Amino acid sequence: MSQIAPEEIAVSMTGELHHFAAGRQYALLPSPCIQNHAAFLVSGKKGLSCLWFGGSLEGKSDISIYRSELDGEWKPAERLTDDPRHSEQN
């Protein structure tokens, strides 16, 4: 992946697949959150999904678990957890 300036990251989070040489791909997944971290991929009944922690700041109570599914492009993020009393973090 070529280097992306910080101010370009948010506008590049479209879920569009980009191709490297040798058949490798990457995408910057759409997320409504300021901070996103600890992403992992899982293959399930619906196909490939990416899950991660997202919110305003790690440790804050708005940290939730999000998921995006790959369907040609990555779908918009879906919030899976939302407990305003606790931070959903690793």
PDB file of N, CA and C in Angstrom:
ATOM      1  N   MET A   1       0.846  -1.168   0.000  1.00  0.00           N
ATOM      2  CA  MET A   1       0.000   0.000   0.000  1.00  0.00           C
ATOM      3  C   MET A   1       0.890   1.230   0.000  1.00  0.00           C
ATOM      4  N   SER A   2       0.556   2.195  -0.807  1.00  0.00           N
ATOM      5  CA  SER A   2       1.332   3.425  -0.809  1.00  0.00           C
ATOM      6  C   SER A   2       1.020   4.231   0.441  1.00  0.00           C
ATOM      7  N   GLN A   3       1.923   5.108   0.809  1.00  0.00           N
ATOM      8  CA  GLN A   3       1.750   5.900   2.018  1.00  0.00           C
ATOM      9  C   GLN A   3       0.605   6.893   1.840  1.00  0.00           C
ATOM     10  N   ILE A   4      -0.232   7.029   2.870  1.00  0.00           N
ATOM     11  CA  ILE A   4      -1.365   7.939   2.846  1.00  0.00           C
ATOM     12  C   ILE A   4      -1.164   8.979   3.941  1.00  0.00           C
ATOM     13  N   ALA A   5      -1.337  10.246   3.587  1.00  0.00           N
ATOM     14  CA  ALA A   5      -1.225  11.321   4.578  1.00  0.00           C
ATOM     15  C   ALA A   5      -2.395  11.240   5.545  1.00  0.00           C
ATOM     16  N   PRO A   6      -2.188  11.585   6.816  1.00  0.00           N
ATOM     17  CA  PRO A   6      -3.265  11.490   7.811  1.00  0.00           C
ATOM     18  C   PRO A   6      -4.553  12.182   7.393  1.00  0.00           C
ATOM     19  N   GLU A   7      -4.466  13.341   6.753  1.00  0.00           N
ATOM     20  CA  GLU A   7      -5.673  14.063   6.355  1.00  0.00           C
ATOM     21  C   GLU A   7      -6.424  13.379   5.210  1.00  0.00           C
ATOM     22  N   GLU A   8      -5.801  12.403   4.557  1.00  0.00           N
ATOM     23  CA  GLU A   8      -6.450  11.667   3.471  1.00  0.00           C
ATOM     24  C   GLU A   8      -7.120  10.371   3.948  1.00  0.00           C
ATOM     25  N   ILE A   9      -6.850   9.950   5.162  1.00  0.00           N
ATOM     26  CA  ILE A   9      -7.339   8.657   5.629  1.00  0.00           C
ATOM     27  C   ILE A   9      -8.860   8.612   5.673  1.00  0.00           C
ATOM     28  N   ALA A  10      -9.504   9.584   6.332  1.00  0.00           N
ATOM     29  CA  ALA A  10     -10.962   9.547   6.493  1.00  0.00           C
ATOM     30  C   ALA A  10     -11.680   9.511   5.153  1.00  0.00           C
ATOM     31  N   VAL A  11     -11.242  10.291   4.186  1.00  0.00           N
ATOM     32  CA  VAL A  11     -11.915  10.308   2.880  1.00  0.00           C
ATOM     33  C   VAL A  11     -11.606   9.058   2.067  1.00  0.00           C
ATOM     34  N   SER A  12     -10.579   8.305   2.454  1.00  0.00           N
ATOM     35  CA  SER A  12     -10.219   7.070   1.753  1.00  0.00           C
ATOM     36  C   SER A  12     -10.896   5.838   2.334  1.00  0.00           C
ATOM     37  N   MET A  13     -11.636   6.007   3.429  1.00  0.00           N
ATOM     38  CA  MET A  13     -12.277   4.868   4.111  1.00  0.00           C
ATOM     39  C   MET A  13     -13.601   4.528   3.414  1.00  0.00           C
ATOM     40  N   THR A  14     -13.500   4.037   2.192  1.00  0.00           N
ATOM     41  CA  THR A  14     -14.681   3.761   1.372  1.00  0.00           C
ATOM     42  C   THR A  14     -15.023   2.280   1.305  1.00  0.00           C
ATOM     43  N   GLY A  15     -14.109   1.412   1.672  1.00  0.00           N
ATOM     44  CA  GLY A  15     -14.320  -0.022   1.539  1.00  0.00           C
ATOM     45  C   GLY A  15     -13.974  -0.550   0.159  1.00  0.00           C
ATOM     46  N   GLU A  16     -13.576   0.339  -0.732  1.00  0.00           N
ATOM     47  CA  GLU A  16     -13.211  -0.073  -2.090  1.00  0.00           C
ATOM     48  C   GLU A  16     -11.947  -0.935  -2.059  1.00  0.00           C
ATOM     49  N   LEU A  17     -11.966  -2.038  -2.794  1.00  0.00           N
ATOM     50  CA  LEU A  17     -10.805  -2.916  -2.867  1.00  0.00           C
ATOM     51  C   LEU A  17      -9.779  -2.337  -3.829  1.00  0.00           C
ATOM     52  N   HIS A  18      -8.531  -2.343  -3.409  1.00  0.00           N
ATOM     53  CA  HIS A  18      -7.407  -1.906  -4.234  1.00  0.00           C
ATOM     54  C   HIS A  18      -6.493  -3.112  -4.425  1.00  0.00           C
ATOM     55  N   HIS A  19      -5.816  -3.177  -5.540  1.00  0.00           N
ATOM     56  CA  HIS A  19      -5.019  -4.353  -5.868  1.00  0.00           C
ATOM     57  C   HIS A  19      -3.530  -4.036  -5.900  1.00  0.00           C
ATOM     58  N   PHE A  20      -2.768  -4.911  -5.276  1.00  0.00           N
ATOM     59  CA  PHE A  20      -1.316  -4.915  -5.358  1.00  0.00           C
ATOM     60  C   PHE A  20      -0.921  -5.859  -6.486  1.00  0.00           C
ATOM     61  N   ALA A  21       0.351  -5.873  -6.811  1.00  0.00           N
ATOM     62  CA  ALA A  21       0.881  -6.908  -7.696  1.00  0.00           C
ATOM     63  C   ALA A  21       0.762  -8.246  -6.980  1.00  0.00           C
ATOM     64  N   ALA A  22       0.823  -9.323  -7.678  1.00  0.00           N
ATOM     65  CA  ALA A  22       0.765 -10.682  -7.135  1.00  0.00           C
ATOM     66  C   ALA A  22      -0.598 -11.018  -6.527  1.00  0.00           C
ATOM     67  N   GLY A  23      -1.666 -10.318  -6.942  1.00  0.00           N
ATOM     68  CA  GLY A  23      -3.012 -10.670  -6.542  1.00  0.00           C
ATOM     69  C   GLY A  23      -3.434 -10.265  -5.139  1.00  0.00           C
ATOM     70  N   ARG A  24      -2.616  -9.533  -4.421  1.00  0.00           N
ATOM     71  CA  ARG A  24      -2.978  -9.114  -3.064  1.00  0.00           C
ATOM     72  C   ARG A  24      -3.883  -7.886  -3.124  1.00  0.00           C
ATOM     73  N   GLN A  25      -4.771  -7.758  -2.138  1.00  0.00           N
ATOM     74  CA  GLN A  25      -5.720  -6.650  -2.091  1.00  0.00           C
ATOM     75  C   GLN A  25      -5.685  -5.978  -0.726  1.00  0.00           C
ATOM     76  N   TYR A  26      -6.133  -4.719  -0.690  1.00  0.00           N
ATOM     77  CA  TYR A  26      -6.331  -4.027   0.577  1.00  0.00           C
ATOM     78  C   TYR A  26      -7.523  -3.083   0.431  1.00  0.00           C
ATOM     79  N   ALA A  27      -8.088  -2.694   1.555  1.00  0.00           N
ATOM     80  CA  ALA A  27      -9.179  -1.729   1.595  1.00  0.00           C
ATOM     81  C   ALA A  27      -9.124  -0.989   2.920  1.00  0.00           C
ATOM     82  N   LEU A  28      -9.490   0.274   2.904  1.00  0.00           N
ATOM     83  CA  LEU A  28      -9.681   1.037   4.132  1.00  0.00           C
ATOM     84  C   LEU A  28     -11.174   1.007   4.412  1.00  0.00           C
ATOM     85  N   LEU A  29     -11.558   0.325   5.481  1.00  0.00           N
ATOM     86  CA  LEU A  29     -12.967   0.075   5.758  1.00  0.00           C
ATOM     87  C   LEU A  29     -13.667   1.320   6.291  1.00  0.00           C
ATOM     88  N   PRO A  30     -14.919   1.509   5.883  1.00  0.00           N
ATOM     89  CA  PRO A  30     -15.682   2.648   6.405  1.00  0.00           C
ATOM     90  C   PRO A  30     -15.991   2.464   7.878  1.00  0.00           C
ATOM     91  N   SER A  31     -15.806   3.519   8.662  1.00  0.00           N
ATOM     92  CA  SER A  31     -16.106   3.476  10.092  1.00  0.00           C
ATOM     93  C   SER A  31     -16.596   4.846  10.529  1.00  0.00           C
ATOM     94  N   PRO A  32     -17.611   4.884  11.388  1.00  0.00           N
ATOM     95  CA  PRO A  32     -18.100   6.160  11.909  1.00  0.00           C
ATOM     96  C   PRO A  32     -17.252   6.686  13.071  1.00  0.00           C
ATOM     97  N   CYS A  33     -16.206   5.945  13.447  1.00  0.00           N
ATOM     98  CA  CYS A  33     -15.437   6.256  14.653  1.00  0.00           C
ATOM     99  C   CYS A  33     -14.170   7.041  14.355  1.00  0.00           C
ATOM    100  N   ILE A  34     -13.747   7.806  15.358  1.00  0.00           N
ATOM    101  CA  ILE A  34     -12.493   8.550  15.270  1.00  0.00           C
ATOM    102  C   ILE A  34     -11.315   7.601  15.445  1.00  0.00           C
ATOM    103  N   GLN A  35     -11.400   6.705  16.421  1.00  0.00           N
ATOM    104  CA  GLN A  35     -10.334   5.741  16.668  1.00  0.00           C
ATOM    105  C   GLN A  35     -10.848   4.336  16.400  1.00  0.00           C
ATOM    106  N   ASN A  36     -10.042   3.552  15.709  1.00  0.00           N
ATOM    107  CA  ASN A  36     -10.355   2.171  15.360  1.00  0.00           C
ATOM    108  C   ASN A  36      -9.096   1.353  15.572  1.00  0.00           C
ATOM    109  N   HIS A  37      -9.227   0.182  16.220  1.00  0.00           N
ATOM    110  CA  HIS A  37      -8.022  -0.617  16.460  1.00  0.00           C
ATOM    111  C   HIS A  37      -8.375  -2.083  16.697  1.00  0.00           C
ATOM    112  N   ALA A  38      -7.346  -2.903  16.699  1.00  0.00           N
ATOM    113  CA  ALA A  38      -7.421  -4.342  16.984  1.00  0.00           C
ATOM    114  C   ALA A  38      -8.365  -5.068  16.026  1.00  0.00           C
ATOM    115  N   ALA A  39      -8.235  -4.790  14.741  1.00  0.00           N
ATOM    116  CA  ALA A  39      -9.086  -5.451  13.748  1.00  0.00           C
ATOM    117  C   ALA A  39      -8.662  -6.906  13.550  1.00  0.00           C
ATOM    118  N   PHE A  40      -9.656  -7.741  13.261  1.00  0.00           N
ATOM    119  CA  PHE A  40      -9.360  -9.114  12.873  1.00  0.00           C
ATOM    120  C   PHE A  40     -10.393  -9.568  11.853  1.00  0.00           C
ATOM    121  N   LEU A  41     -10.013 -10.567  11.056  1.00  0.00           N
ATOM    122  CA  LEU A  41     -10.877 -11.110  10.013  1.00  0.00           C
ATOM    123  C   LEU A  41     -11.412 -12.459  10.440  1.00  0.00           C
ATOM    124  N   VAL A  42     -12.651 -12.742  10.052  1.00  0.00           N
ATOM    125  CA  VAL A  42     -13.263 -14.031  10.342  1.00  0.00           C
ATOM    126  C   VAL A  42     -14.091 -14.444   9.126  1.00  0.00           C
ATOM    127  N   SER A  43     -14.008 -15.720   8.803  1.00  0.00           N
ATOM    128  CA  SER A  43     -14.797 -16.271   7.707  1.00  0.00           C
ATOM    129  C   SER A  43     -15.948 -17.054   8.305  1.00  0.00           C
ATOM    130  N   GLY A  44     -17.180 -16.678   7.958  1.00  0.00           N
ATOM    131  CA  GLY A  44     -18.354 -17.328   8.531  1.00  0.00           C
ATOM    132  C   GLY A  44     -19.382 -17.642   7.469  1.00  0.00           C
ATOM    133  N   LYS A  45     -20.607 -17.901   7.891  1.00  0.00           N
ATOM    134  CA  LYS A  45     -21.689 -18.268   6.984  1.00  0.00           C
ATOM    135  C   LYS A  45     -21.971 -17.186   5.948  1.00  0.00           C
ATOM    136  N   LYS A  46     -21.800 -15.921   6.338  1.00  0.00           N
ATOM    137  CA  LYS A  46     -22.061 -14.812   5.422  1.00  0.00           C
ATOM    138  C   LYS A  46     -20.835 -14.448   4.576  1.00  0.00           C
ATOM    139  N   GLY A  47     -19.720 -15.130   4.780  1.00  0.00           N
ATOM    140  CA  GLY A  47     -18.490 -14.813   4.056  1.00  0.00           C
ATOM    141  C   GLY A  47     -17.479 -14.156   4.975  1.00  0.00           C
ATOM    142  N   LEU A  48     -16.663 -13.268   4.428  1.00  0.00           N
ATOM    143  CA  LEU A  48     -15.588 -12.632   5.184  1.00  0.00           C
ATOM    144  C   LEU A  48     -16.093 -11.390   5.908  1.00  0.00           C
ATOM    145  N   SER A  49     -15.768 -11.297   7.203  1.00  0.00           N
ATOM    146  CA  SER A  49     -16.114 -10.137   8.020  1.00  0.00           C
ATOM    147  C   SER A  49     -14.856  -9.623   8.704  1.00  0.00           C
ATOM    148  N   CYS A  50     -14.843  -8.327   8.945  1.00  0.00           N
ATOM    149  CA  CYS A  50     -13.788  -7.695   9.732  1.00  0.00           C
ATOM    150  C   CYS A  50     -14.461  -7.117  10.972  1.00  0.00           C
ATOM    151  N   LEU A  51     -13.891  -7.382  12.136  1.00  0.00           N
ATOM    152  CA  LEU A  51     -14.406  -6.847  13.397  1.00  0.00           C
ATOM    153  C   LEU A  51     -13.304  -6.042  14.067  1.00  0.00           C
ATOM    154  N   TRP A  52     -13.702  -4.986  14.809  1.00  0.00           N
ATOM    155  CA  TRP A  52     -12.719  -4.128  15.460  1.00  0.00           C
ATOM    156  C   TRP A  52     -13.386  -3.336  16.578  1.00  0.00           C
ATOM    157  N   PHE A  53     -12.540  -2.695  17.391  1.00  0.00           N
ATOM    158  CA  PHE A  53     -12.988  -1.791  18.431  1.00  0.00           C
ATOM    159  C   PHE A  53     -12.971  -0.380  17.856  1.00  0.00           C
ATOM    160  N   GLY A  54     -13.997   0.412  18.144  1.00  0.00           N
ATOM    161  CA  GLY A  54     -14.037   1.782  17.651  1.00  0.00           C
ATOM    162  C   GLY A  54     -14.786   2.692  18.602  1.00  0.00           C
ATOM    163  N   GLY A  55     -14.436   3.966  18.588  1.00  0.00           N
ATOM    164  CA  GLY A  55     -15.095   4.978  19.411  1.00  0.00           C
ATOM    165  C   GLY A  55     -14.314   6.272  19.363  1.00  0.00           C
ATOM    166  N   SER A  56     -14.496   7.099  20.375  1.00  0.00           N
ATOM    167  CA  SER A  56     -13.837   8.406  20.385  1.00  0.00           C
ATOM    168  C   SER A  56     -12.417   8.344  20.940  1.00  0.00           C
ATOM    169  N   LEU A  57     -12.178   7.475  21.915  1.00  0.00           N
ATOM    170  CA  LEU A  57     -10.860   7.377  22.538  1.00  0.00           C
ATOM    171  C   LEU A  57     -10.799   6.069  23.315  1.00  0.00           C
ATOM    172  N   GLU A  58      -9.728   5.326  23.154  1.00  0.00           N
ATOM    173  CA  GLU A  58      -9.596   4.041  23.843  1.00  0.00           C
ATOM    174  C   GLU A  58      -9.783   4.231  25.341  1.00  0.00           C
ATOM    175  N   GLY A  59     -10.592   3.362  25.942  1.00  0.00           N
ATOM    176  CA  GLY A  59     -10.880   3.427  27.367  1.00  0.00           C
ATOM    177  C   GLY A  59     -12.147   4.198  27.695  1.00  0.00           C
ATOM    178  N   LYS A  60     -12.650   5.001  26.770  1.00  0.00           N
ATOM    179  CA  LYS A  60     -13.900   5.742  26.995  1.00  0.00           C
ATOM    180  C   LYS A  60     -15.081   4.784  26.889  1.00  0.00           C
ATOM    181  N   SER A  61     -16.196   5.145  27.497  1.00  0.00           N
ATOM    182  CA  SER A  61     -17.352   4.253  27.526  1.00  0.00           C
ATOM    183  C   SER A  61     -18.038   4.102  26.172  1.00  0.00           C
ATOM    184  N   ASP A  62     -17.668   4.922  25.177  1.00  0.00           N
ATOM    185  CA  ASP A  62     -18.293   4.769  23.851  1.00  0.00           C
ATOM    186  C   ASP A  62     -17.548   3.790  22.938  1.00  0.00           C
ATOM    187  N   ILE A  63     -16.524   3.125  23.449  1.00  0.00           N
ATOM    188  CA  ILE A  63     -15.822   2.114  22.651  1.00  0.00           C
ATOM    189  C   ILE A  63     -16.738   0.905  22.497  1.00  0.00           C
ATOM    190  N   SER A  64     -16.997   0.526  21.260  1.00  0.00           N
ATOM    191  CA  SER A  64     -17.882  -0.589  20.941  1.00  0.00           C
ATOM    192  C   SER A  64     -17.191  -1.514  19.947  1.00  0.00           C
ATOM    193  N   ILE A  65     -17.789  -2.668  19.721  1.00  0.00           N
ATOM    194  CA  ILE A  65     -17.297  -3.601  18.713  1.00  0.00           C
ATOM    195  C   ILE A  65     -18.096  -3.367  17.435  1.00  0.00           C
ATOM    196  N   TYR A  66     -17.387  -3.247  16.320  1.00  0.00           N
ATOM    197  CA  TYR A  66     -17.990  -3.004  15.010  1.00  0.00           C
ATOM    198  C   TYR A  66     -17.673  -4.149  14.066  1.00  0.00           C
ATOM    199  N   ARG A  67     -18.521  -4.299  13.043  1.00  0.00           N
ATOM    200  CA  ARG A  67     -18.296  -5.326  12.018  1.00  0.00           C
ATOM    201  C   ARG A  67     -18.620  -4.737  10.653  1.00  0.00           C
ATOM    202  N   SER A  68     -17.830  -5.159   9.664  1.00  0.00           N
ATOM    203  CA  SER A  68     -18.100  -4.868   8.261  1.00  0.00           C
ATOM    204  C   SER A  68     -17.967  -6.177   7.505  1.00  0.00           C
ATOM    205  N   GLU A  69     -18.855  -6.390   6.533  1.00  0.00           N
ATOM    206  CA  GLU A  69     -18.833  -7.618   5.740  1.00  0.00           C
ATOM    207  C   GLU A  69     -18.391  -7.303   4.315  1.00  0.00           C
ATOM    208  N   LEU A  70     -17.648  -8.228   3.728  1.00  0.00           N
ATOM    209  CA  LEU A  70     -17.182  -8.079   2.354  1.00  0.00           C
ATOM    210  C   LEU A  70     -18.223  -8.658   1.400  1.00  0.00           C
ATOM    211  N   ASP A  71     -18.700  -7.797   0.514  1.00  0.00           N
ATOM    212  CA  ASP A  71     -19.669  -8.201  -0.509  1.00  0.00           C
ATOM    213  C   ASP A  71     -19.324  -7.432  -1.779  1.00  0.00           C
ATOM    214  N   GLY A  72     -18.202  -7.786  -2.405  1.00  0.00           N
ATOM    215  CA  GLY A  72     -17.690  -7.025  -3.539  1.00  0.00           C
ATOM    216  C   GLY A  72     -16.892  -5.825  -3.061  1.00  0.00           C
ATOM    217  N   GLU A  73     -17.465  -5.059  -2.156  1.00  0.00           N
ATOM    218  CA  GLU A  73     -16.803  -3.994  -1.401  1.00  0.00           C
ATOM    219  C   GLU A  73     -17.164  -4.221   0.063  1.00  0.00           C
ATOM    220  N   TRP A  74     -16.451  -3.568   0.962  1.00  0.00           N
ATOM    221  CA  TRP A  74     -16.772  -3.679   2.379  1.00  0.00           C
ATOM    222  C   TRP A  74     -17.995  -2.834   2.674  1.00  0.00           C
ATOM    223  N   LYS A  75     -18.973  -3.437   3.334  1.00  0.00           N
ATOM    224  CA  LYS A  75     -20.211  -2.744   3.693  1.00  0.00           C
ATOM    225  C   LYS A  75     -19.934  -1.741   4.819  1.00  0.00           C
ATOM    226  N   PRO A  76     -20.833  -0.765   5.005  1.00  0.00           N
ATOM    227  CA  PRO A  76     -20.667   0.170   6.127  1.00  0.00           C
ATOM    228  C   PRO A  76     -20.620  -0.572   7.466  1.00  0.00           C
ATOM    229  N   ALA A  77     -19.915   0.015   8.406  1.00  0.00           N
ATOM    230  CA  ALA A  77     -19.746  -0.601   9.730  1.00  0.00           C
ATOM    231  C   ALA A  77     -21.078  -0.720  10.454  1.00  0.00           C
ATOM    232  N   GLU A  78     -21.214  -1.824  11.172  1.00  0.00           N
ATOM    233  CA  GLU A  78     -22.387  -2.085  12.002  1.00  0.00           C
ATOM    234  C   GLU A  78     -21.914  -2.212  13.442  1.00  0.00           C
ATOM    235  N   ARG A  79     -22.513  -1.462  14.353  1.00  0.00           N
ATOM    236  CA  ARG A  79     -22.162  -1.542  15.774  1.00  0.00           C
ATOM    237  C   ARG A  79     -22.804  -2.800  16.357  1.00  0.00           C
ATOM    238  N   LEU A  80     -21.991  -3.667  16.958  1.00  0.00           N
ATOM    239  CA  LEU A  80     -22.490  -4.907  17.540  1.00  0.00           C
ATOM    240  C   LEU A  80     -22.737  -4.801  19.041  1.00  0.00           C
ATOM    241  N   THR A  81     -21.994  -3.940  19.728  1.00  0.00           N
ATOM    242  CA  THR A  81     -22.161  -3.776  21.168  1.00  0.00           C
ATOM    243  C   THR A  81     -22.346  -2.298  21.482  1.00  0.00           C
ATOM    244  N   ASP A  82     -23.065  -2.016  22.556  1.00  0.00           N
ATOM    245  CA  ASP A  82     -23.273  -0.625  22.957  1.00  0.00           C
ATOM    246  C   ASP A  82     -23.703  -0.584  24.417  1.00  0.00           C
ATOM    247  N   ASP A  83     -22.747  -0.539  25.310  1.00  0.00           N
ATOM    248  CA  ASP A  83     -23.013  -0.433  26.740  1.00  0.00           C
ATOM    249  C   ASP A  83     -22.424   0.894  27.204  1.00  0.00           C
ATOM    250  N   PRO A  84     -23.249   1.932  27.384  1.00  0.00           N
ATOM    251  CA  PRO A  84     -22.727   3.257  27.722  1.00  0.00           C
ATOM    252  C   PRO A  84     -22.027   3.328  29.082  1.00  0.00           C
ATOM    253  N   ARG A  85     -22.118   2.249  29.876  1.00  0.00           N
ATOM    254  CA  ARG A  85     -21.459   2.240  31.198  1.00  0.00           C
ATOM    255  C   ARG A  85     -20.045   1.678  31.135  1.00  0.00           C
ATOM    256  N   HIS A  86     -19.706   0.943  30.039  1.00  0.00           N
ATOM    257  CA  HIS A  86     -18.414   0.261  29.968  1.00  0.00           C
ATOM    258  C   HIS A  86     -17.766   0.433  28.600  1.00  0.00           C
ATOM    259  N   SER A  87     -16.466   0.421  28.583  1.00  0.00           N
ATOM    260  CA  SER A  87     -15.709   0.403  27.347  1.00  0.00           C
ATOM    261  C   SER A  87     -15.579  -1.037  26.880  1.00  0.00           C
ATOM    262  N   GLU A  88     -16.010  -1.302  25.675  1.00  0.00           N
ATOM    263  CA  GLU A  88     -15.899  -2.647  25.092  1.00  0.00           C
ATOM    264  C   GLU A  88     -14.527  -2.739  24.415  1.00  0.00           C
ATOM    265  N   GLN A  89     -13.542  -3.097  25.163  1.00  0.00           N
ATOM    266  CA  GLN A  89     -12.194  -3.141  24.599  1.00  0.00           C
ATOM    267  C   GLN A  89     -11.470  -4.398  25.036  1.00  0.00           C
ATOM    268  N   ASN A  90     -10.360  -4.646  24.354  1.00  0.00           N
ATOM    269  CA  ASN A  90      -9.562  -5.808  24.705  1.00  0.00           C
ATOM    270  C   ASN A  90      -8.910  -5.536  26.018  1.00  0.00           C
TER     271      ASN A  90
END
